[in-house]
Amino acid sequence: MNESMIIDLFTESIKMILILSAPMLLSGLLIGLLIAIFQATTQIQEATLAFVPKIIVVFLVMMFTGPWLINSLIDFTTMIMNMIDLIIY
């Protein structure tokens, strides 16, 4: 296995991490922004008001995107397992 293959594998791994984490991160960001706007307009500064809805939304997004996440991870793992003979030598 040469350096370019290692770099390509590392790049694909980082890309996979970003793609799989994006739905949860973006939904948490969007809900956090909406709650921050609500808190700024009403001047309610309660920490649990921001924390609990984010957890609920991230959990729901994980639940709905779960099959896609698992299939993507299975495909990536299968690709890595098929490359194992190239990695060893």
N, C-alpha and C. Protein backbone atom coordinates (compact mmCIF):
# COMPACT_ATOMS: atom_id res chain seq x y z
N MET A 1 0.86 -1.18 0.00
CA MET A 1 0.00 0.00 0.00
C MET A 1 0.89 1.23 0.00
N ASN A 2 0.71 2.07 -0.98
CA ASN A 2 1.55 3.25 -1.08
C ASN A 2 0.88 4.45 -0.40
N GLU A 3 1.59 5.55 -0.40
CA GLU A 3 1.11 6.73 0.32
C GLU A 3 -0.17 7.31 -0.27
N SER A 4 -0.30 7.27 -1.58
CA SER A 4 -1.51 7.85 -2.19
C SER A 4 -2.76 7.05 -1.81
N MET A 5 -2.62 5.74 -1.67
CA MET A 5 -3.77 4.93 -1.25
C MET A 5 -4.15 5.24 0.20
N ILE A 6 -3.15 5.45 1.04
CA ILE A 6 -3.41 5.79 2.44
C ILE A 6 -4.11 7.15 2.52
N ILE A 7 -3.63 8.10 1.74
CA ILE A 7 -4.24 9.44 1.74
C ILE A 7 -5.67 9.36 1.21
N ASP A 8 -5.90 8.58 0.15
CA ASP A 8 -7.26 8.42 -0.38
C ASP A 8 -8.19 7.76 0.64
N LEU A 9 -7.68 6.75 1.32
CA LEU A 9 -8.48 6.08 2.34
C LEU A 9 -8.81 7.02 3.50
N PHE A 10 -7.83 7.81 3.91
CA PHE A 10 -8.04 8.79 4.98
C PHE A 10 -9.05 9.84 4.53
N THR A 11 -8.94 10.30 3.28
CA THR A 11 -9.87 11.30 2.75
C THR A 11 -11.30 10.75 2.72
N GLU A 12 -11.44 9.51 2.25
CA GLU A 12 -12.77 8.89 2.21
C GLU A 12 -13.34 8.71 3.62
N SER A 13 -12.49 8.39 4.58
CA SER A 13 -12.95 8.23 5.96
C SER A 13 -13.45 9.55 6.53
N ILE A 14 -12.69 10.61 6.32
CA ILE A 14 -13.11 11.93 6.81
C ILE A 14 -14.40 12.38 6.11
N LYS A 15 -14.48 12.13 4.81
CA LYS A 15 -15.70 12.49 4.07
C LYS A 15 -16.90 11.72 4.61
N MET A 16 -16.71 10.45 4.91
CA MET A 16 -17.80 9.63 5.45
C MET A 16 -18.24 10.16 6.82
N ILE A 17 -17.29 10.53 7.66
CA ILE A 17 -17.62 11.08 8.97
C ILE A 17 -18.44 12.36 8.83
N LEU A 18 -18.02 13.24 7.93
CA LEU A 18 -18.74 14.50 7.74
C LEU A 18 -20.15 14.28 7.17
N ILE A 19 -20.27 13.37 6.22
CA ILE A 19 -21.58 13.11 5.61
C ILE A 19 -22.54 12.49 6.62
N LEU A 20 -22.03 11.54 7.43
CA LEU A 20 -22.91 10.86 8.38
C LEU A 20 -23.28 11.73 9.58
N SER A 21 -22.42 12.65 9.95
CA SER A 21 -22.74 13.49 11.10
C SER A 21 -23.51 14.76 10.71
N ALA A 22 -23.53 15.09 9.43
CA ALA A 22 -24.17 16.33 8.99
C ALA A 22 -25.65 16.46 9.35
N PRO A 23 -26.48 15.43 9.16
CA PRO A 23 -27.90 15.64 9.49
C PRO A 23 -28.13 16.00 10.96
N MET A 24 -27.43 15.31 11.87
CA MET A 24 -27.62 15.62 13.28
C MET A 24 -27.07 17.00 13.64
N LEU A 25 -25.89 17.32 13.11
CA LEU A 25 -25.29 18.61 13.43
C LEU A 25 -26.10 19.77 12.87
N LEU A 26 -26.56 19.63 11.64
CA LEU A 26 -27.34 20.72 11.03
C LEU A 26 -28.70 20.90 11.70
N SER A 27 -29.33 19.79 12.07
CA SER A 27 -30.63 19.93 12.75
C SER A 27 -30.43 20.55 14.14
N GLY A 28 -29.38 20.17 14.85
CA GLY A 28 -29.10 20.79 16.14
C GLY A 28 -28.78 22.26 16.01
N LEU A 29 -28.05 22.61 14.95
CA LEU A 29 -27.72 24.01 14.69
C LEU A 29 -28.97 24.82 14.39
N LEU A 30 -29.84 24.28 13.56
CA LEU A 30 -31.06 24.99 13.18
C LEU A 30 -31.97 25.19 14.39
N ILE A 31 -32.18 24.14 15.16
CA ILE A 31 -33.03 24.26 16.36
C ILE A 31 -32.40 25.22 17.37
N GLY A 32 -31.09 25.15 17.53
CA GLY A 32 -30.40 26.07 18.44
C GLY A 32 -30.56 27.51 18.03
N LEU A 33 -30.48 27.75 16.72
CA LEU A 33 -30.67 29.11 16.21
C LEU A 33 -32.10 29.60 16.45
N LEU A 34 -33.07 28.74 16.19
CA LEU A 34 -34.47 29.13 16.42
C LEU A 34 -34.73 29.41 17.90
N ILE A 35 -34.18 28.59 18.76
CA ILE A 35 -34.38 28.79 20.20
C ILE A 35 -33.65 30.05 20.67
N ALA A 36 -32.48 30.31 20.12
CA ALA A 36 -31.75 31.52 20.49
C ALA A 36 -32.52 32.77 20.08
N ILE A 37 -33.14 32.73 18.90
CA ILE A 37 -33.96 33.87 18.46
C ILE A 37 -35.16 34.03 19.38
N PHE A 38 -35.80 32.91 19.75
CA PHE A 38 -36.93 32.96 20.68
C PHE A 38 -36.50 33.51 22.04
N GLN A 39 -35.35 33.06 22.54
CA GLN A 39 -34.87 33.55 23.84
C GLN A 39 -34.51 35.02 23.77
N ALA A 40 -33.96 35.46 22.66
CA ALA A 40 -33.59 36.88 22.54
C ALA A 40 -34.83 37.77 22.47
N THR A 41 -35.87 37.29 21.81
CA THR A 41 -37.07 38.13 21.70
C THR A 41 -37.88 38.14 22.98
N THR A 42 -37.89 37.04 23.71
CA THR A 42 -38.68 36.99 24.95
C THR A 42 -37.85 37.28 26.19
N GLN A 43 -36.55 37.37 26.05
CA GLN A 43 -35.60 37.60 27.14
C GLN A 43 -35.68 36.52 28.21
N ILE A 44 -36.01 35.30 27.81
CA ILE A 44 -35.97 34.14 28.71
C ILE A 44 -34.60 33.51 28.54
N GLN A 45 -33.83 33.45 29.60
CA GLN A 45 -32.48 32.91 29.52
C GLN A 45 -32.36 31.63 30.35
N GLU A 46 -33.11 30.64 29.99
CA GLU A 46 -33.10 29.36 30.68
C GLU A 46 -32.29 28.37 29.85
N ALA A 47 -31.31 27.72 30.46
CA ALA A 47 -30.42 26.81 29.74
C ALA A 47 -31.14 25.56 29.27
N THR A 48 -32.06 25.05 30.07
CA THR A 48 -32.76 23.82 29.67
C THR A 48 -33.70 24.07 28.49
N LEU A 49 -34.11 25.30 28.29
CA LEU A 49 -34.96 25.64 27.16
C LEU A 49 -34.23 25.40 25.85
N ALA A 50 -32.93 25.57 25.84
CA ALA A 50 -32.15 25.33 24.62
C ALA A 50 -31.68 23.88 24.54
N PHE A 51 -31.44 23.26 25.66
CA PHE A 51 -30.82 21.93 25.69
C PHE A 51 -31.79 20.81 25.33
N VAL A 52 -32.94 20.79 25.93
CA VAL A 52 -33.89 19.70 25.75
C VAL A 52 -34.42 19.60 24.32
N PRO A 53 -34.85 20.68 23.69
CA PRO A 53 -35.33 20.55 22.29
C PRO A 53 -34.24 20.07 21.33
N LYS A 54 -33.00 20.50 21.56
CA LYS A 54 -31.90 20.04 20.70
C LYS A 54 -31.73 18.54 20.81
N ILE A 55 -31.76 18.02 22.02
CA ILE A 55 -31.61 16.57 22.21
C ILE A 55 -32.75 15.82 21.53
N ILE A 56 -33.96 16.32 21.67
CA ILE A 56 -35.12 15.66 21.08
C ILE A 56 -35.02 15.67 19.55
N VAL A 57 -34.67 16.81 18.98
CA VAL A 57 -34.58 16.91 17.52
C VAL A 57 -33.45 16.04 16.98
N VAL A 58 -32.30 16.05 17.63
CA VAL A 58 -31.18 15.22 17.17
C VAL A 58 -31.54 13.74 17.27
N PHE A 59 -32.23 13.36 18.33
CA PHE A 59 -32.67 11.97 18.46
C PHE A 59 -33.65 11.59 17.36
N LEU A 60 -34.60 12.48 17.05
CA LEU A 60 -35.56 12.19 15.98
C LEU A 60 -34.89 12.09 14.61
N VAL A 61 -33.94 12.98 14.37
CA VAL A 61 -33.22 12.93 13.10
C VAL A 61 -32.41 11.64 13.00
N MET A 62 -31.79 11.23 14.10
CA MET A 62 -31.05 9.97 14.11
C MET A 62 -31.99 8.80 13.87
N MET A 63 -33.16 8.86 14.41
CA MET A 63 -34.12 7.78 14.25
C MET A 63 -34.58 7.68 12.78
N PHE A 64 -34.84 8.83 12.15
CA PHE A 64 -35.31 8.82 10.77
C PHE A 64 -34.20 8.54 9.76
N THR A 65 -32.98 8.97 10.05
CA THR A 65 -31.87 8.73 9.12
C THR A 65 -31.07 7.49 9.48
N GLY A 66 -31.49 6.77 10.51
CA GLY A 66 -30.77 5.59 10.97
C GLY A 66 -30.53 4.54 9.91
N PRO A 67 -31.56 4.13 9.15
CA PRO A 67 -31.31 3.13 8.11
C PRO A 67 -30.29 3.58 7.07
N TRP A 68 -30.36 4.83 6.67
CA TRP A 68 -29.38 5.35 5.71
C TRP A 68 -27.98 5.37 6.32
N LEU A 69 -27.88 5.77 7.60
CA LEU A 69 -26.58 5.78 8.27
C LEU A 69 -25.97 4.39 8.33
N ILE A 70 -26.78 3.41 8.71
CA ILE A 70 -26.30 2.03 8.83
C ILE A 70 -25.88 1.49 7.46
N ASN A 71 -26.69 1.74 6.43
CA ASN A 71 -26.34 1.26 5.09
C ASN A 71 -25.06 1.90 4.58
N SER A 72 -24.88 3.19 4.85
CA SER A 72 -23.65 3.86 4.43
C SER A 72 -22.44 3.28 5.16
N LEU A 73 -22.58 3.03 6.45
CA LEU A 73 -21.47 2.44 7.21
C LEU A 73 -21.17 1.02 6.75
N ILE A 74 -22.20 0.26 6.44
CA ILE A 74 -21.99 -1.11 5.95
C ILE A 74 -21.27 -1.09 4.60
N ASP A 75 -21.68 -0.19 3.71
CA ASP A 75 -21.01 -0.08 2.41
C ASP A 75 -19.55 0.32 2.57
N PHE A 76 -19.28 1.27 3.46
CA PHE A 76 -17.91 1.73 3.68
C PHE A 76 -17.07 0.62 4.30
N THR A 77 -17.63 -0.09 5.26
CA THR A 77 -16.90 -1.20 5.89
C THR A 77 -16.63 -2.31 4.90
N THR A 78 -17.60 -2.60 4.05
CA THR A 78 -17.40 -3.62 3.01
C THR A 78 -16.28 -3.20 2.06
N MET A 79 -16.24 -1.92 1.71
CA MET A 79 -15.17 -1.43 0.84
C MET A 79 -13.81 -1.60 1.52
N ILE A 80 -13.74 -1.29 2.80
CA ILE A 80 -12.48 -1.43 3.54
C ILE A 80 -12.08 -2.91 3.63
N MET A 81 -13.03 -3.77 3.90
CA MET A 81 -12.73 -5.20 4.00
C MET A 81 -12.28 -5.77 2.65
N ASN A 82 -12.84 -5.27 1.55
CA ASN A 82 -12.40 -5.72 0.24
C ASN A 82 -11.00 -5.22 -0.10
N MET A 83 -10.59 -4.12 0.53
CA MET A 83 -9.25 -3.57 0.30
C MET A 83 -8.20 -4.14 1.25
N ILE A 84 -8.58 -5.06 2.12
CA ILE A 84 -7.67 -5.49 3.17
C ILE A 84 -6.41 -6.17 2.63
N ASP A 85 -6.55 -6.84 1.49
CA ASP A 85 -5.35 -7.47 0.91
C ASP A 85 -4.38 -6.42 0.40
N LEU A 86 -4.89 -5.27 -0.04
CA LEU A 86 -4.00 -4.18 -0.47
C LEU A 86 -3.37 -3.48 0.73
N ILE A 87 -4.09 -3.44 1.84
CA ILE A 87 -3.58 -2.77 3.03
C ILE A 87 -2.45 -3.57 3.67
N ILE A 88 -2.59 -4.88 3.68
CA ILE A 88 -1.60 -5.74 4.34
C ILE A 88 -0.28 -5.72 3.59
N TYR A 89 -0.30 -5.77 2.27
CA TYR A 89 0.95 -5.85 1.51
C TYR A 89 1.47 -4.52 1.13
